[in-house]
Amino acid sequence: MWKPTNQPSTTPSRPGEPERPAMPSPVSSAPSEPASAPRPAVAASTADQATIGKSLVIKGEVTGSESLYIDGRVEGSINLAGNRVTVGRNGVVAANINAREIVVLGKVRGNLTASDRVDIRSDGSLTGDVVAARISIEDGAFFKGGIDIRKGGQKPNGEEVKAPAAVEAVAARA
């Protein structure tokens, strides 16, 4: 299996799950603190990724403009078009998901639409259709449904997105 060589030496808090981005330490101008004092590392940045914890149950529509990590239960729909949705090992989702990137480590029942990629990990389970530019299904993962691979900028009916008429006219003269 391919492993990047430039990974940090820290290990994720949960094996097999993607690491959450670490927030850089804030710069302090307090004179009482020596410059060489070690600062505690922050595990996750709430500005970069929201988390639905193990004990949370959400019924309805989830929308927003940040990435989402789901370790609880969600029923309804999830629409985070330009962001990443990760369904954690404990996550149970009964919803259609629309995002840039979708990673499945838990259980999902619903259709997935990703502008970039869908990744179903070895412990993941997906029952539903997938529409994405790229898909990856690890050994041991469960998948039941259809796959529609679309190039970026392709309409749902399979047609290429056409340039506006003004641009076409300029291109025709050239």
Protein backbone atom coordinates (compact mmCIF):
# COMPACT_ATOMS: atom_id res chain seq x y z
CA MET A 1 0.00 0.00 0.00
CA TRP A 2 1.29 3.46 -0.85
CA LYS A 3 2.22 5.66 2.09
CA PRO A 4 3.39 9.24 1.74
CA THR A 5 6.92 9.86 2.99
CA ASN A 6 6.36 13.40 4.20
CA GLN A 7 3.81 12.57 6.92
CA PRO A 8 4.31 14.02 10.40
CA SER A 9 5.52 11.66 13.09
CA THR A 10 2.34 12.04 15.15
CA THR A 11 -0.28 9.32 14.93
CA PRO A 12 -4.00 10.00 14.58
CA SER A 13 -6.12 9.69 17.71
CA ARG A 14 -8.14 6.91 16.07
CA PRO A 15 -6.28 4.36 13.92
CA GLY A 16 -7.45 4.18 10.31
CA GLU A 17 -9.20 7.54 10.38
CA PRO A 18 -7.94 10.64 8.61
CA GLU A 19 -6.04 13.06 10.76
CA ARG A 20 -7.76 16.29 11.62
CA PRO A 21 -5.70 19.32 10.68
CA ALA A 22 -3.73 20.79 13.56
CA MET A 23 -4.11 24.48 14.27
CA PRO A 24 -0.85 26.41 14.51
CA SER A 25 0.10 27.60 17.98
CA PRO A 26 -0.86 31.22 18.60
CA VAL A 27 2.00 33.67 18.93
CA SER A 28 2.05 35.23 22.39
CA SER A 29 3.67 38.52 23.24
CA ALA A 30 3.42 37.97 27.00
CA PRO A 31 6.81 38.75 28.57
CA SER A 32 6.25 36.35 31.50
CA GLU A 33 6.41 33.28 29.26
CA PRO A 34 9.88 32.27 28.05
CA ALA A 35 10.20 31.86 24.28
CA SER A 36 11.54 28.29 24.60
CA ALA A 37 8.63 27.00 26.71
CA PRO A 38 6.80 24.11 25.02
CA ARG A 39 3.22 24.81 24.01
CA PRO A 40 0.48 22.19 24.00
CA ALA A 41 -0.51 20.97 20.54
CA VAL A 42 -4.10 21.58 19.49
CA ALA A 43 -5.72 18.44 18.06
CA ALA A 44 -8.32 20.08 15.81
CA SER A 45 -9.36 23.47 14.59
CA THR A 46 -13.08 24.14 14.96
CA ALA A 47 -12.84 26.76 12.21
CA ASP A 48 -11.73 24.09 9.71
CA GLN A 49 -13.99 21.18 10.65
CA ALA A 50 -17.17 20.73 12.66
CA THR A 51 -17.80 17.49 14.56
CA ILE A 52 -21.03 15.63 15.34
CA GLY A 53 -20.15 13.54 18.39
CA LYS A 54 -21.05 9.92 19.17
CA SER A 55 -24.09 10.73 21.32
CA LEU A 56 -25.65 13.31 18.96
CA VAL A 57 -28.67 12.54 16.77
CA ILE A 58 -29.62 15.03 14.07
CA LYS A 59 -32.82 14.76 12.02
CA GLY A 60 -33.24 17.26 9.20
CA GLU A 61 -31.07 19.23 6.80
CA VAL A 62 -27.38 19.92 7.47
CA THR A 63 -25.88 22.77 5.42
CA GLY A 64 -22.86 25.01 5.87
CA SER A 65 -19.51 26.18 4.57
CA GLU A 66 -17.05 24.05 6.55
CA SER A 67 -15.98 20.43 6.59
CA LEU A 68 -17.87 18.00 8.80
CA TYR A 69 -16.84 14.92 10.79
CA ILE A 70 -19.80 12.70 11.78
CA ASP A 71 -19.39 10.21 14.62
CA GLY A 72 -23.06 10.27 15.63
CA ARG A 73 -26.34 9.70 13.79
CA VAL A 74 -27.73 11.92 11.00
CA GLU A 75 -31.05 11.44 9.19
CA GLY A 76 -32.17 13.76 6.40
CA SER A 77 -29.82 15.51 3.99
CA ILE A 78 -26.27 16.87 4.12
CA ASN A 79 -25.26 19.62 1.69
CA LEU A 80 -21.70 20.95 2.11
CA ALA A 81 -20.90 21.48 -1.58
CA GLY A 82 -17.35 22.83 -1.40
CA ASN A 83 -16.19 20.86 1.64
CA ARG A 84 -15.31 17.43 2.98
CA VAL A 85 -17.74 15.14 4.82
CA THR A 86 -16.22 12.29 6.84
CA VAL A 87 -18.45 9.63 8.37
CA GLY A 88 -16.43 8.26 11.30
CA ARG A 89 -16.28 4.66 12.50
CA ASN A 90 -19.20 5.22 14.88
CA GLY A 91 -21.17 7.32 12.39
CA VAL A 92 -24.54 6.16 11.09
CA VAL A 93 -26.00 8.30 8.31
CA ALA A 94 -29.36 7.86 6.60
CA ALA A 95 -29.12 10.82 4.25
CA ASN A 96 -28.19 11.95 0.78
CA ILE A 97 -24.78 13.67 0.93
CA ASN A 98 -23.56 16.39 -1.43
CA ALA A 99 -19.97 17.55 -0.88
CA ARG A 100 -16.63 18.08 -2.62
CA GLU A 101 -15.12 15.02 -0.94
CA ILE A 102 -16.81 12.22 1.03
CA VAL A 103 -15.00 9.65 3.21
CA VAL A 104 -16.97 6.71 4.61
CA LEU A 105 -15.58 4.87 7.65
CA GLY A 106 -18.97 4.06 9.22
CA LYS A 107 -22.43 3.25 7.81
CA VAL A 108 -24.19 5.32 5.16
CA ARG A 109 -27.58 4.68 3.59
CA GLY A 110 -28.29 7.24 0.87
CA ASN A 111 -26.95 8.64 -2.38
CA LEU A 112 -23.58 10.39 -2.47
CA THR A 113 -22.74 13.22 -4.87
CA ALA A 114 -19.15 14.49 -4.78
CA SER A 115 -17.61 17.08 -7.08
CA ASP A 116 -14.17 15.52 -6.43
CA ARG A 117 -14.03 12.05 -4.85
CA VAL A 118 -15.70 9.40 -2.70
CA ASP A 119 -13.56 7.15 -0.50
CA ILE A 120 -15.07 4.06 1.15
CA ARG A 121 -12.62 2.67 3.69
CA SER A 122 -12.26 -0.97 4.75
CA ASP A 123 -14.68 -0.72 7.70
CA GLY A 124 -17.11 1.49 5.75
CA SER A 125 -20.52 0.51 4.48
CA LEU A 126 -22.48 2.33 1.75
CA THR A 127 -25.90 1.44 0.41
CA GLY A 128 -26.80 3.92 -2.31
CA ASP A 129 -25.67 5.41 -5.58
CA VAL A 130 -22.44 7.36 -6.07
CA VAL A 131 -21.88 10.25 -8.48
CA ALA A 132 -18.28 11.51 -8.41
CA ALA A 133 -15.23 12.32 -10.51
CA ARG A 134 -13.17 9.70 -8.60
CA ILE A 135 -14.02 6.80 -6.30
CA SER A 136 -11.95 4.51 -4.11
CA ILE A 137 -13.27 1.38 -2.37
CA GLU A 138 -10.85 -0.42 -0.04
CA ASP A 139 -10.75 -4.18 0.43
CA GLY A 140 -13.29 -5.21 3.06
CA ALA A 141 -15.64 -2.27 2.45
CA PHE A 142 -19.33 -2.91 1.76
CA PHE A 143 -20.95 -1.19 -1.22
CA LYS A 144 -24.34 -1.79 -2.80
CA GLY A 145 -25.47 0.66 -5.46
CA GLY A 146 -24.54 2.27 -8.72
CA ILE A 147 -21.52 4.34 -9.69
CA ASP A 148 -21.58 7.27 -12.12
CA ILE A 149 -18.15 8.73 -12.85
CA ARG A 150 -18.35 12.31 -14.13
CA LYS A 151 -15.63 14.62 -15.29
CA GLY A 152 -15.48 18.00 -13.57
CA GLY A 153 -17.96 20.39 -15.18
CA GLN A 154 -20.29 17.68 -16.46
CA LYS A 155 -24.06 18.05 -16.07
CA PRO A 156 -26.14 15.36 -14.32
CA ASN A 157 -27.59 14.18 -17.68
CA GLY A 158 -24.06 13.49 -18.99
CA GLU A 159 -23.73 16.53 -21.27
CA GLU A 160 -20.65 18.70 -21.12
CA VAL A 161 -21.17 22.18 -19.67
CA LYS A 162 -21.10 24.60 -22.60
CA ALA A 163 -19.39 27.96 -22.54
CA PRO A 164 -21.65 31.04 -22.70
CA ALA A 165 -22.70 32.13 -26.22
CA ALA A 166 -20.49 35.25 -26.12
CA VAL A 167 -17.39 33.13 -25.50
CA GLU A 168 -18.36 30.70 -28.30
CA ALA A 169 -18.73 33.59 -30.78
CA VAL A 170 -15.26 34.94 -29.91
CA ALA A 171 -13.76 31.46 -30.27
CA ALA A 172 -15.43 31.02 -33.68
CA ARG A 173 -13.81 34.23 -35.03
CA ALA A 174 -10.31 33.29 -33.86
